[in-house]
Amino acid sequence: MSHGPVRSSRLAFKKAFAAYYVSLSTPGIADPTHVFAAAEGYLAALREQLGSEEFVRRLDDETTNLAGQVEQDLRQRWRGRSDQPDVADLEDRLRECFEHGLSRLDPPHTRSR
């Protein structure tokens, strides 16, 4: 099984999320459109690779792991600068993006009630 689509969609999500997260601390309005689409794409590729049951089992660990990687990337990018990003809520914001992506994976008529 190829990991190419998962790796590329994961990288696309990480880049989109990092940019979105940094934009949250700016005076402007942070637009989540791109990061929400990237989350949906990544989660769809991951679910396709793992299968639905394994996907559900691994999602929480993947979320925590990915949040740690993005935090490390941001700290590395701003190393030595006085304007370090505040990453206190980074994992919560990443989870919000994943929740939105998950809600878009299945059309409303196929979700269990």
PDB file of N, CA and C in Angstrom:
ATOM      1  N   MET A   1       0.838  -1.174   0.000  1.00  0.00           N
ATOM      2  CA  MET A   1       0.000   0.000   0.000  1.00  0.00           C
ATOM      3  C   MET A   1       0.888   1.244   0.000  1.00  0.00           C
ATOM      4  N   SER A   2       0.609   2.159  -0.882  1.00  0.00           N
ATOM      5  CA  SER A   2       1.410   3.378  -0.992  1.00  0.00           C
ATOM      6  C   SER A   2       1.013   4.390   0.070  1.00  0.00           C
ATOM      7  N   HIS A   3       1.993   5.052   0.617  1.00  0.00           N
ATOM      8  CA  HIS A   3       1.738   6.088   1.612  1.00  0.00           C
ATOM      9  C   HIS A   3       1.813   7.473   0.991  1.00  0.00           C
ATOM     10  N   GLY A   4       2.034   7.555  -0.315  1.00  0.00           N
ATOM     11  CA  GLY A   4       2.200   8.837  -0.999  1.00  0.00           C
ATOM     12  C   GLY A   4       1.069   9.815  -0.791  1.00  0.00           C
ATOM     13  N   PRO A   5      -0.190   9.420  -1.060  1.00  0.00           N
ATOM     14  CA  PRO A   5      -1.291  10.370  -0.884  1.00  0.00           C
ATOM     15  C   PRO A   5      -1.438  10.833   0.571  1.00  0.00           C
ATOM     16  N   VAL A   6      -1.211   9.931   1.505  1.00  0.00           N
ATOM     17  CA  VAL A   6      -1.326  10.309   2.919  1.00  0.00           C
ATOM     18  C   VAL A   6      -0.202  11.268   3.291  1.00  0.00           C
ATOM     19  N   ARG A   7       1.006  10.963   2.881  1.00  0.00           N
ATOM     20  CA  ARG A   7       2.142  11.843   3.210  1.00  0.00           C
ATOM     21  C   ARG A   7       1.970  13.230   2.612  1.00  0.00           C
ATOM     22  N   SER A   8       1.574  13.286   1.354  1.00  0.00           N
ATOM     23  CA  SER A   8       1.445  14.594   0.714  1.00  0.00           C
ATOM     24  C   SER A   8       0.270  15.383   1.293  1.00  0.00           C
ATOM     25  N   SER A   9      -0.833  14.718   1.599  1.00  0.00           N
ATOM     26  CA  SER A   9      -1.962  15.445   2.182  1.00  0.00           C
ATOM     27  C   SER A   9      -1.666  15.840   3.633  1.00  0.00           C
ATOM     28  N   ARG A  10      -0.878  15.042   4.328  1.00  0.00           N
ATOM     29  CA  ARG A  10      -0.478  15.391   5.700  1.00  0.00           C
ATOM     30  C   ARG A  10       0.418  16.634   5.682  1.00  0.00           C
ATOM     31  N   LEU A  11       1.363  16.659   4.769  1.00  0.00           N
ATOM     32  CA  LEU A  11       2.245  17.814   4.637  1.00  0.00           C
ATOM     33  C   LEU A  11       1.449  19.063   4.253  1.00  0.00           C
ATOM     34  N   ALA A  12       0.519  18.908   3.330  1.00  0.00           N
ATOM     35  CA  ALA A  12      -0.322  20.043   2.928  1.00  0.00           C
ATOM     36  C   ALA A  12      -1.125  20.563   4.117  1.00  0.00           C
ATOM     37  N   PHE A  13      -1.646  19.645   4.935  1.00  0.00           N
ATOM     38  CA  PHE A  13      -2.383  20.075   6.120  1.00  0.00           C
ATOM     39  C   PHE A  13      -1.473  20.791   7.108  1.00  0.00           C
ATOM     40  N   LYS A  14      -0.293  20.221   7.361  1.00  0.00           N
ATOM     41  CA  LYS A  14       0.634  20.854   8.309  1.00  0.00           C
ATOM     42  C   LYS A  14       0.982  22.275   7.871  1.00  0.00           C
ATOM     43  N   LYS A  15       1.257  22.464   6.599  1.00  0.00           N
ATOM     44  CA  LYS A  15       1.588  23.803   6.094  1.00  0.00           C
ATOM     45  C   LYS A  15       0.408  24.748   6.230  1.00  0.00           C
ATOM     46  N   ALA A  16      -0.768  24.277   5.833  1.00  0.00           N
ATOM     47  CA  ALA A  16      -1.965  25.114   5.910  1.00  0.00           C
ATOM     48  C   ALA A  16      -2.295  25.451   7.362  1.00  0.00           C
ATOM     49  N   PHE A  17      -2.181  24.455   8.238  1.00  0.00           N
ATOM     50  CA  PHE A  17      -2.506  24.698   9.641  1.00  0.00           C
ATOM     51  C   PHE A  17      -1.515  25.667  10.277  1.00  0.00           C
ATOM     52  N   ALA A  18      -0.237  25.497  10.016  1.00  0.00           N
ATOM     53  CA  ALA A  18       0.771  26.400  10.592  1.00  0.00           C
ATOM     54  C   ALA A  18       0.511  27.842  10.156  1.00  0.00           C
ATOM     55  N   ALA A  19       0.217  28.033   8.883  1.00  0.00           N
ATOM     56  CA  ALA A  19      -0.072  29.380   8.388  1.00  0.00           C
ATOM     57  C   ALA A  19      -1.331  29.942   9.045  1.00  0.00           C
ATOM     58  N   TYR A  20      -2.360  29.121   9.152  1.00  0.00           N
ATOM     59  CA  TYR A  20      -3.603  29.546   9.793  1.00  0.00           C
ATOM     60  C   TYR A  20      -3.366  29.874  11.260  1.00  0.00           C
ATOM     61  N   TYR A  21      -2.640  29.008  11.950  1.00  0.00           N
ATOM     62  CA  TYR A  21      -2.401  29.221  13.375  1.00  0.00           C
ATOM     63  C   TYR A  21      -1.641  30.520  13.626  1.00  0.00           C
ATOM     64  N   VAL A  22      -0.651  30.797  12.831  1.00  0.00           N
ATOM     65  CA  VAL A  22       0.098  32.045  12.969  1.00  0.00           C
ATOM     66  C   VAL A  22      -0.821  33.232  12.682  1.00  0.00           C
ATOM     67  N   SER A  23      -1.699  33.091  11.700  1.00  0.00           N
ATOM     68  CA  SER A  23      -2.599  34.201  11.353  1.00  0.00           C
ATOM     69  C   SER A  23      -3.610  34.494  12.459  1.00  0.00           C
ATOM     70  N   LEU A  24      -3.837  33.526  13.343  1.00  0.00           N
ATOM     71  CA  LEU A  24      -4.760  33.762  14.453  1.00  0.00           C
ATOM     72  C   LEU A  24      -4.237  34.832  15.419  1.00  0.00           C
ATOM     73  N   SER A  25      -2.943  35.010  15.457  1.00  0.00           N
ATOM     74  CA  SER A  25      -2.363  35.982  16.391  1.00  0.00           C
ATOM     75  C   SER A  25      -2.111  37.339  15.739  1.00  0.00           C
ATOM     76  N   THR A  26      -2.601  37.526  14.534  1.00  0.00           N
ATOM     77  CA  THR A  26      -2.449  38.805  13.855  1.00  0.00           C
ATOM     78  C   THR A  26      -3.724  39.623  14.025  1.00  0.00           C
ATOM     79  N   PRO A  27      -3.643  40.914  13.783  1.00  0.00           N
ATOM     80  CA  PRO A  27      -4.831  41.762  13.953  1.00  0.00           C
ATOM     81  C   PRO A  27      -5.955  41.454  12.961  1.00  0.00           C
ATOM     82  N   GLY A  28      -5.638  40.847  11.841  1.00  0.00           N
ATOM     83  CA  GLY A  28      -6.651  40.558  10.831  1.00  0.00           C
ATOM     84  C   GLY A  28      -7.520  39.364  11.196  1.00  0.00           C
ATOM     85  N   ILE A  29      -8.436  39.064  10.325  1.00  0.00           N
ATOM     86  CA  ILE A  29      -9.315  37.916  10.514  1.00  0.00           C
ATOM     87  C   ILE A  29      -8.679  36.700   9.853  1.00  0.00           C
ATOM     88  N   ALA A  30      -8.515  35.650  10.628  1.00  0.00           N
ATOM     89  CA  ALA A  30      -7.920  34.416  10.116  1.00  0.00           C
ATOM     90  C   ALA A  30      -8.991  33.620   9.386  1.00  0.00           C
ATOM     91  N   ASP A  31      -8.757  33.320   8.123  1.00  0.00           N
ATOM     92  CA  ASP A  31      -9.708  32.574   7.310  1.00  0.00           C
ATOM     93  C   ASP A  31      -9.348  31.088   7.353  1.00  0.00           C
ATOM     94  N   PRO A  32     -10.223  30.252   7.918  1.00  0.00           N
ATOM     95  CA  PRO A  32      -9.916  28.820   8.044  1.00  0.00           C
ATOM     96  C   PRO A  32     -10.260  27.988   6.809  1.00  0.00           C
ATOM     97  N   THR A  33     -10.741  28.593   5.756  1.00  0.00           N
ATOM     98  CA  THR A  33     -11.225  27.845   4.598  1.00  0.00           C
ATOM     99  C   THR A  33     -10.189  26.853   4.071  1.00  0.00           C
ATOM    100  N   HIS A  34      -8.982  27.323   3.850  1.00  0.00           N
ATOM    101  CA  HIS A  34      -7.933  26.476   3.278  1.00  0.00           C
ATOM    102  C   HIS A  34      -7.539  25.345   4.230  1.00  0.00           C
ATOM    103  N   VAL A  35      -7.409  25.651   5.497  1.00  0.00           N
ATOM    104  CA  VAL A  35      -6.993  24.620   6.454  1.00  0.00           C
ATOM    105  C   VAL A  35      -8.109  23.601   6.670  1.00  0.00           C
ATOM    106  N   PHE A  36      -9.367  24.027   6.619  1.00  0.00           N
ATOM    107  CA  PHE A  36     -10.473  23.082   6.745  1.00  0.00           C
ATOM    108  C   PHE A  36     -10.476  22.104   5.564  1.00  0.00           C
ATOM    109  N   ALA A  37     -10.255  22.614   4.364  1.00  0.00           N
ATOM    110  CA  ALA A  37     -10.203  21.751   3.179  1.00  0.00           C
ATOM    111  C   ALA A  37      -9.014  20.793   3.265  1.00  0.00           C
ATOM    112  N   ALA A  38      -7.879  21.295   3.741  1.00  0.00           N
ATOM    113  CA  ALA A  38      -6.687  20.453   3.880  1.00  0.00           C
ATOM    114  C   ALA A  38      -6.919  19.363   4.933  1.00  0.00           C
ATOM    115  N   ALA A  39      -7.610  19.696   6.020  1.00  0.00           N
ATOM    116  CA  ALA A  39      -7.923  18.709   7.056  1.00  0.00           C
ATOM    117  C   ALA A  39      -8.817  17.613   6.487  1.00  0.00           C
ATOM    118  N   GLU A  40      -9.820  18.010   5.745  1.00  0.00           N
ATOM    119  CA  GLU A  40     -10.715  17.029   5.141  1.00  0.00           C
ATOM    120  C   GLU A  40      -9.955  16.109   4.185  1.00  0.00           C
ATOM    121  N   GLY A  41      -9.091  16.683   3.367  1.00  0.00           N
ATOM    122  CA  GLY A  41      -8.308  15.880   2.430  1.00  0.00           C
ATOM    123  C   GLY A  41      -7.381  14.905   3.128  1.00  0.00           C
ATOM    124  N   TYR A  42      -6.712  15.379   4.165  1.00  0.00           N
ATOM    125  CA  TYR A  42      -5.798  14.509   4.898  1.00  0.00           C
ATOM    126  C   TYR A  42      -6.550  13.382   5.601  1.00  0.00           C
ATOM    127  N   LEU A  43      -7.633  13.726   6.279  1.00  0.00           N
ATOM    128  CA  LEU A  43      -8.388  12.711   7.005  1.00  0.00           C
ATOM    129  C   LEU A  43      -9.010  11.683   6.059  1.00  0.00           C
ATOM    130  N   ALA A  44      -9.464  12.124   4.907  1.00  0.00           N
ATOM    131  CA  ALA A  44     -10.024  11.192   3.921  1.00  0.00           C
ATOM    132  C   ALA A  44      -8.948  10.219   3.430  1.00  0.00           C
ATOM    133  N   ALA A  45      -7.765  10.742   3.143  1.00  0.00           N
ATOM    134  CA  ALA A  45      -6.673   9.879   2.675  1.00  0.00           C
ATOM    135  C   ALA A  45      -6.240   8.910   3.767  1.00  0.00           C
ATOM    136  N   LEU A  46      -6.173   9.386   4.995  1.00  0.00           N
ATOM    137  CA  LEU A  46      -5.766   8.528   6.108  1.00  0.00           C
ATOM    138  C   LEU A  46      -6.799   7.434   6.354  1.00  0.00           C
ATOM    139  N   ARG A  47      -8.068   7.796   6.314  1.00  0.00           N
ATOM    140  CA  ARG A  47      -9.120   6.794   6.520  1.00  0.00           C
ATOM    141  C   ARG A  47      -9.112   5.752   5.402  1.00  0.00           C
ATOM    142  N   GLU A  48      -8.875   6.201   4.198  1.00  0.00           N
ATOM    143  CA  GLU A  48      -8.824   5.261   3.070  1.00  0.00           C
ATOM    144  C   GLU A  48      -7.653   4.293   3.240  1.00  0.00           C
ATOM    145  N   GLN A  49      -6.527   4.798   3.695  1.00  0.00           N
ATOM    146  CA  GLN A  49      -5.347   3.945   3.881  1.00  0.00           C
ATOM    147  C   GLN A  49      -5.537   2.962   5.030  1.00  0.00           C
ATOM    148  N   LEU A  50      -6.079   3.434   6.141  1.00  0.00           N
ATOM    149  CA  LEU A  50      -6.162   2.607   7.345  1.00  0.00           C
ATOM    150  C   LEU A  50      -7.426   1.765   7.448  1.00  0.00           C
ATOM    151  N   GLY A  51      -8.485   2.186   6.801  1.00  0.00           N
ATOM    152  CA  GLY A  51      -9.793   1.568   7.019  1.00  0.00           C
ATOM    153  C   GLY A  51     -10.481   2.289   8.161  1.00  0.00           C
ATOM    154  N   SER A  52     -11.783   2.253   8.178  1.00  0.00           N
ATOM    155  CA  SER A  52     -12.561   3.054   9.132  1.00  0.00           C
ATOM    156  C   SER A  52     -12.265   2.739  10.598  1.00  0.00           C
ATOM    157  N   GLU A  53     -12.211   1.458  10.948  1.00  0.00           N
ATOM    158  CA  GLU A  53     -12.003   1.101  12.352  1.00  0.00           C
ATOM    159  C   GLU A  53     -10.625   1.513  12.854  1.00  0.00           C
ATOM    160  N   GLU A  54      -9.593   1.205  12.102  1.00  0.00           N
ATOM    161  CA  GLU A  54      -8.230   1.575  12.510  1.00  0.00           C
ATOM    162  C   GLU A  54      -8.078   3.091  12.527  1.00  0.00           C
ATOM    163  N   PHE A  55      -8.692   3.757  11.587  1.00  0.00           N
ATOM    164  CA  PHE A  55      -8.668   5.218  11.527  1.00  0.00           C
ATOM    165  C   PHE A  55      -9.199   5.810  12.827  1.00  0.00           C
ATOM    166  N   VAL A  56     -10.340   5.320  13.287  1.00  0.00           N
ATOM    167  CA  VAL A  56     -10.941   5.825  14.527  1.00  0.00           C
ATOM    168  C   VAL A  56     -10.032   5.539  15.715  1.00  0.00           C
ATOM    169  N   ARG A  57      -9.439   4.353  15.735  1.00  0.00           N
ATOM    170  CA  ARG A  57      -8.543   3.996  16.855  1.00  0.00           C
ATOM    171  C   ARG A  57      -7.314   4.902  16.923  1.00  0.00           C
ATOM    172  N   ARG A  58      -6.783   5.292  15.784  1.00  0.00           N
ATOM    173  CA  ARG A  58      -5.530   6.048  15.746  1.00  0.00           C
ATOM    174  C   ARG A  58      -5.700   7.567  15.725  1.00  0.00           C
ATOM    175  N   LEU A  59      -6.901   8.061  15.527  1.00  0.00           N
ATOM    176  CA  LEU A  59      -7.093   9.488  15.287  1.00  0.00           C
ATOM    177  C   LEU A  59      -6.627  10.370  16.443  1.00  0.00           C
ATOM    178  N   ASP A  60      -6.923   9.995  17.664  1.00  0.00           N
ATOM    179  CA  ASP A  60      -6.524  10.828  18.798  1.00  0.00           C
ATOM    180  C   ASP A  60      -5.001  10.913  18.903  1.00  0.00           C
ATOM    181  N   ASP A  61      -4.327   9.784  18.768  1.00  0.00           N
ATOM    182  CA  ASP A  61      -2.860   9.791  18.828  1.00  0.00           C
ATOM    183  C   ASP A  61      -2.269  10.580  17.663  1.00  0.00           C
ATOM    184  N   GLU A  62      -2.853  10.437  16.490  1.00  0.00           N
ATOM    185  CA  GLU A  62      -2.360  11.180  15.322  1.00  0.00           C
ATOM    186  C   GLU A  62      -2.528  12.677  15.533  1.00  0.00           C
ATOM    187  N   THR A  63      -3.636  13.071  16.135  1.00  0.00           N
ATOM    188  CA  THR A  63      -3.888  14.487  16.393  1.00  0.00           C
ATOM    189  C   THR A  63      -2.847  15.052  17.346  1.00  0.00           C
ATOM    190  N   THR A  64      -2.603  14.355  18.435  1.00  0.00           N
ATOM    191  CA  THR A  64      -1.614  14.800  19.420  1.00  0.00           C
ATOM    192  C   THR A  64      -0.217  14.846  18.808  1.00  0.00           C
ATOM    193  N   ASN A  65       0.139  13.819  18.050  1.00  0.00           N
ATOM    194  CA  ASN A  65       1.446  13.751  17.409  1.00  0.00           C
ATOM    195  C   ASN A  65       1.623  14.899  16.407  1.00  0.00           C
ATOM    196  N   LEU A  66       0.630  15.111  15.596  1.00  0.00           N
ATOM    197  CA  LEU A  66       0.694  16.169  14.592  1.00  0.00           C
ATOM    198  C   LEU A  66       0.784  17.547  15.241  1.00  0.00           C
ATOM    199  N   ALA A  67       0.033  17.768  16.312  1.00  0.00           N
ATOM    200  CA  ALA A  67       0.104  19.045  17.024  1.00  0.00           C
ATOM    201  C   ALA A  67       1.517  19.275  17.566  1.00  0.00           C
ATOM    202  N   GLY A  68       2.133  18.241  18.097  1.00  0.00           N
ATOM    203  CA  GLY A  68       3.508  18.357  18.591  1.00  0.00           C
ATOM    204  C   GLY A  68       4.492  18.687  17.489  1.00  0.00           C
ATOM    205  N   GLN A  69       4.294  18.078  16.331  1.00  0.00           N
ATOM    206  CA  GLN A  69       5.187  18.362  15.205  1.00  0.00           C
ATOM    207  C   GLN A  69       5.027  19.808  14.715  1.00  0.00           C
ATOM    208  N   VAL A  70       3.804  20.273  14.622  1.00  0.00           N
ATOM    209  CA  VAL A  70       3.574  21.652  14.172  1.00  0.00           C
ATOM    210  C   VAL A  70       4.149  22.632  15.192  1.00  0.00           C
ATOM    211  N   GLU A  71       3.955  22.352  16.468  1.00  0.00           N
ATOM    212  CA  GLU A  71       4.517  23.211  17.510  1.00  0.00           C
ATOM    213  C   GLU A  71       6.036  23.272  17.386  1.00  0.00           C
ATOM    214  N   GLN A  72       6.664  22.129  17.204  1.00  0.00           N
ATOM    215  CA  GLN A  72       8.120  22.080  17.048  1.00  0.00           C
ATOM    216  C   GLN A  72       8.554  22.848  15.798  1.00  0.00           C
ATOM    217  N   ASP A  73       7.829  22.692  14.704  1.00  0.00           N
ATOM    218  CA  ASP A  73       8.138  23.419  13.469  1.00  0.00           C
ATOM    219  C   ASP A  73       8.064  24.928  13.683  1.00  0.00           C
ATOM    220  N   LEU A  74       7.026  25.381  14.375  1.00  0.00           N
ATOM    221  CA  LEU A  74       6.869  26.818  14.616  1.00  0.00           C
ATOM    222  C   LEU A  74       7.972  27.354  15.528  1.00  0.00           C
ATOM    223  N   ARG A  75       8.279  26.595  16.561  1.00  0.00           N
ATOM    224  CA  ARG A  75       9.363  27.030  17.459  1.00  0.00           C
ATOM    225  C   ARG A  75      10.695  27.094  16.715  1.00  0.00           C
ATOM    226  N   GLN A  76      10.940  26.138  15.841  1.00  0.00           N
ATOM    227  CA  GLN A  76      12.166  26.132  15.048  1.00  0.00           C
ATOM    228  C   GLN A  76      12.206  27.340  14.110  1.00  0.00           C
ATOM    229  N   ARG A  77      11.079  27.618  13.489  1.00  0.00           N
ATOM    230  CA  ARG A  77      11.003  28.734  12.551  1.00  0.00           C
ATOM    231  C   ARG A  77      11.269  30.069  13.245  1.00  0.00           C
ATOM    232  N   TRP A  78      10.819  30.203  14.492  1.00  0.00           N
ATOM    233  CA  TRP A  78      10.981  31.465  15.211  1.00  0.00           C
ATOM    234  C   TRP A  78      12.128  31.428  16.227  1.00  0.00           C
ATOM    235  N   ARG A  79      12.971  30.426  16.142  1.00  0.00           N
ATOM    236  CA  ARG A  79      14.085  30.303  17.087  1.00  0.00           C
ATOM    237  C   ARG A  79      14.944  31.566  17.044  1.00  0.00           C
ATOM    238  N   GLY A  80      15.238  32.077  18.222  1.00  0.00           N
ATOM    239  CA  GLY A  80      16.100  33.247  18.324  1.00  0.00           C
ATOM    240  C   GLY A  80      15.365  34.573  18.169  1.00  0.00           C
ATOM    241  N   ARG A  81      14.074  34.534  17.886  1.00  0.00           N
ATOM    242  CA  ARG A  81      13.306  35.777  17.743  1.00  0.00           C
ATOM    243  C   ARG A  81      12.541  36.060  19.019  1.00  0.00           C
ATOM    244  N   SER A  82      12.303  37.322  19.263  1.00  0.00           N
ATOM    245  CA  SER A  82      11.584  37.699  20.479  1.00  0.00           C
ATOM    246  C   SER A  82      10.076  37.521  20.341  1.00  0.00           C
ATOM    247  N   ASP A  83       9.571  37.412  19.124  1.00  0.00           N
ATOM    248  CA  ASP A  83       8.124  37.300  18.905  1.00  0.00           C
ATOM    249  C   ASP A  83       7.679  35.851  18.693  1.00  0.00           C
ATOM    250  N   GLN A  84       8.109  34.971  19.601  1.00  0.00           N
ATOM    251  CA  GLN A  84       7.736  33.562  19.526  1.00  0.00           C
ATOM    252  C   GLN A  84       6.206  33.430  19.542  1.00  0.00           C
ATOM    253  N   PRO A  85       5.673  32.536  18.720  1.00  0.00           N
ATOM    254  CA  PRO A  85       4.223  32.345  18.751  1.00  0.00           C
ATOM    255  C   PRO A  85       3.793  31.664  20.051  1.00  0.00           C
ATOM    256  N   ASP A  86       2.632  32.059  20.565  1.00  0.00           N
ATOM    257  CA  ASP A  86       2.060  31.413  21.744  1.00  0.00           C
ATOM    258  C   ASP A  86       1.353  30.154  21.257  1.00  0.00           C
ATOM    259  N   VAL A  87       1.821  29.002  21.679  1.00  0.00           N
ATOM    260  CA  VAL A  87       1.275  27.748  21.188  1.00  0.00           C
ATOM    261  C   VAL A  87       0.413  27.039  22.232  1.00  0.00           C
ATOM    262  N   ALA A  88      -0.063  27.795  23.220  1.00  0.00           N
ATOM    263  CA  ALA A  88      -0.822  27.203  24.313  1.00  0.00           C
ATOM    264  C   ALA A  88      -2.072  26.466  23.836  1.00  0.00           C
ATOM    265  N   ASP A  89      -2.742  26.988  22.823  1.00  0.00           N
ATOM    266  CA  ASP A  89      -3.977  26.354  22.361  1.00  0.00           C
ATOM    267  C   ASP A  89      -3.826  25.666  21.005  1.00  0.00           C
ATOM    268  N   LEU A  90      -2.606  25.396  20.599  1.00  0.00           N
ATOM    269  CA  LEU A  90      -2.354  24.831  19.275  1.00  0.00           C
ATOM    270  C   LEU A  90      -3.091  23.501  19.071  1.00  0.00           C
ATOM    271  N   GLU A  91      -2.990  22.594  20.015  1.00  0.00           N
ATOM    272  CA  GLU A  91      -3.647  21.296  19.838  1.00  0.00           C
ATOM    273  C   GLU A  91      -5.165  21.457  19.792  1.00  0.00           C
ATOM    274  N   ASP A  92      -5.713  22.350  20.594  1.00  0.00           N
ATOM    275  CA  ASP A  92      -7.160  22.580  20.557  1.00  0.00           C
ATOM    276  C   ASP A  92      -7.591  23.098  19.192  1.00  0.00           C
ATOM    277  N   ARG A  93      -6.832  24.007  18.622  1.00  0.00           N
ATOM    278  CA  ARG A  93      -7.154  24.547  17.297  1.00  0.00           C
ATOM    279  C   ARG A  93      -7.019  23.471  16.218  1.00  0.00           C
ATOM    280  N   LEU A  94      -6.015  22.633  16.350  1.00  0.00           N
ATOM    281  CA  LEU A  94      -5.849  21.553  15.383  1.00  0.00           C
ATOM    282  C   LEU A  94      -7.026  20.587  15.474  1.00  0.00           C
ATOM    283  N   ARG A  95      -7.455  20.289  16.686  1.00  0.00           N
ATOM    284  CA  ARG A  95      -8.616  19.406  16.867  1.00  0.00           C
ATOM    285  C   ARG A  95      -9.870  20.021  16.245  1.00  0.00           C
ATOM    286  N   GLU A  96     -10.034  21.331  16.365  1.00  0.00           N
ATOM    287  CA  GLU A  96     -11.180  21.998  15.744  1.00  0.00           C
ATOM    288  C   GLU A  96     -11.156  21.800  14.229  1.00  0.00           C
ATOM    289  N   CYS A  97      -9.990  21.929  13.643  1.00  0.00           N
ATOM    290  CA  CYS A  97      -9.856  21.740  12.195  1.00  0.00           C
ATOM    291  C   CYS A  97     -10.187  20.300  11.817  1.00  0.00           C
ATOM    292  N   PHE A  98      -9.699  19.350  12.602  1.00  0.00           N
ATOM    293  CA  PHE A  98      -9.994  17.947  12.329  1.00  0.00           C
ATOM    294  C   PHE A  98     -11.481  17.661  12.512  1.00  0.00           C
ATOM    295  N   GLU A  99     -12.095  18.237  13.531  1.00  0.00           N
ATOM    296  CA  GLU A  99     -13.527  18.027  13.731  1.00  0.00           C
ATOM    297  C   GLU A  99     -14.316  18.518  12.530  1.00  0.00           C
ATOM    298  N   HIS A 100     -13.929  19.671  12.019  1.00  0.00           N
ATOM    299  CA  HIS A 100     -14.602  20.182  10.823  1.00  0.00           C
ATOM    300  C   HIS A 100     -14.365  19.241   9.640  1.00  0.00           C
ATOM    301  N   GLY A 101     -13.134  18.798   9.470  1.00  0.00           N
ATOM    302  CA  GLY A 101     -12.819  17.877   8.387  1.00  0.00           C
ATOM    303  C   GLY A 101     -13.595  16.571   8.513  1.00  0.00           C
ATOM    304  N   LEU A 102     -13.696  16.052   9.722  1.00  0.00           N
ATOM    305  CA  LEU A 102     -14.444  14.812   9.948  1.00  0.00           C
ATOM    306  C   LEU A 102     -15.920  14.989   9.621  1.00  0.00           C
ATOM    307  N   SER A 103     -16.449  16.135   9.953  1.00  0.00           N
ATOM    308  CA  SER A 103     -17.873  16.375   9.698  1.00  0.00           C
ATOM    309  C   SER A 103     -18.176  16.412   8.203  1.00  0.00           C
ATOM    310  N   ARG A 104     -17.161  16.672   7.397  1.00  0.00           N
ATOM    311  CA  ARG A 104     -17.347  16.761   5.949  1.00  0.00           C
ATOM    312  C   ARG A 104     -17.047  15.447   5.219  1.00  0.00           C
ATOM    313  N   LEU A 105     -16.506  14.460   5.939  1.00  0.00           N
ATOM    314  CA  LEU A 105     -16.145  13.199   5.287  1.00  0.00           C
ATOM    315  C   LEU A 105     -17.361  12.405   4.828  1.00  0.00           C
ATOM    316  N   ASP A 106     -18.390  12.375   5.623  1.00  0.00           N
ATOM    317  CA  ASP A 106     -19.585  11.618   5.278  1.00  0.00           C
ATOM    318  C   ASP A 106     -20.729  12.575   5.004  1.00  0.00           C
ATOM    319  N   PRO A 107     -21.415  12.386   3.906  1.00  0.00           N
ATOM    320  CA  PRO A 107     -22.583  13.230   3.628  1.00  0.00           C
ATOM    321  C   PRO A 107     -23.605  13.075   4.770  1.00  0.00           C
ATOM    322  N   PRO A 108     -24.378  14.122   5.059  1.00  0.00           N
ATOM    323  CA  PRO A 108     -25.327  14.079   6.181  1.00  0.00           C
ATOM    324  C   PRO A 108     -26.283  12.881   6.149  1.00  0.00           C
ATOM    325  N   HIS A 109     -26.685  12.431   4.991  1.00  0.00           N
ATOM    326  CA  HIS A 109     -27.650  11.337   4.915  1.00  0.00           C
ATOM    327  C   HIS A 109     -27.039   9.976   5.283  1.00  0.00           C
ATOM    328  N   THR A 110     -25.714   9.885   5.382  1.00  0.00           N
ATOM    329  CA  THR A 110     -25.098   8.594   5.736  1.00  0.00           C
ATOM    330  C   THR A 110     -24.615   8.553   7.177  1.00  0.00           C
ATOM    331  N   ARG A 111     -24.672   9.665   7.867  1.00  0.00           N
ATOM    332  CA  ARG A 111     -24.230   9.686   9.267  1.00  0.00           C
ATOM    333  C   ARG A 111     -25.262   8.994  10.145  1.00  0.00           C
ATOM    334  N   SER A 112     -24.787   8.312  11.179  1.00  0.00           N
ATOM    335  CA  SER A 112     -25.719   7.700  12.114  1.00  0.00           C
ATOM    336  C   SER A 112     -26.282   8.766  13.031  1.00  0.00           C
ATOM    337  N   ARG A 113     -27.493   8.533  13.444  1.00  0.00           N
ATOM    338  CA  ARG A 113     -28.171   9.547  14.296  1.00  0.00           C
ATOM    339  C   ARG A 113     -28.258   9.078  15.706  1.00  0.00           C
TER     340      ARG A 113
END
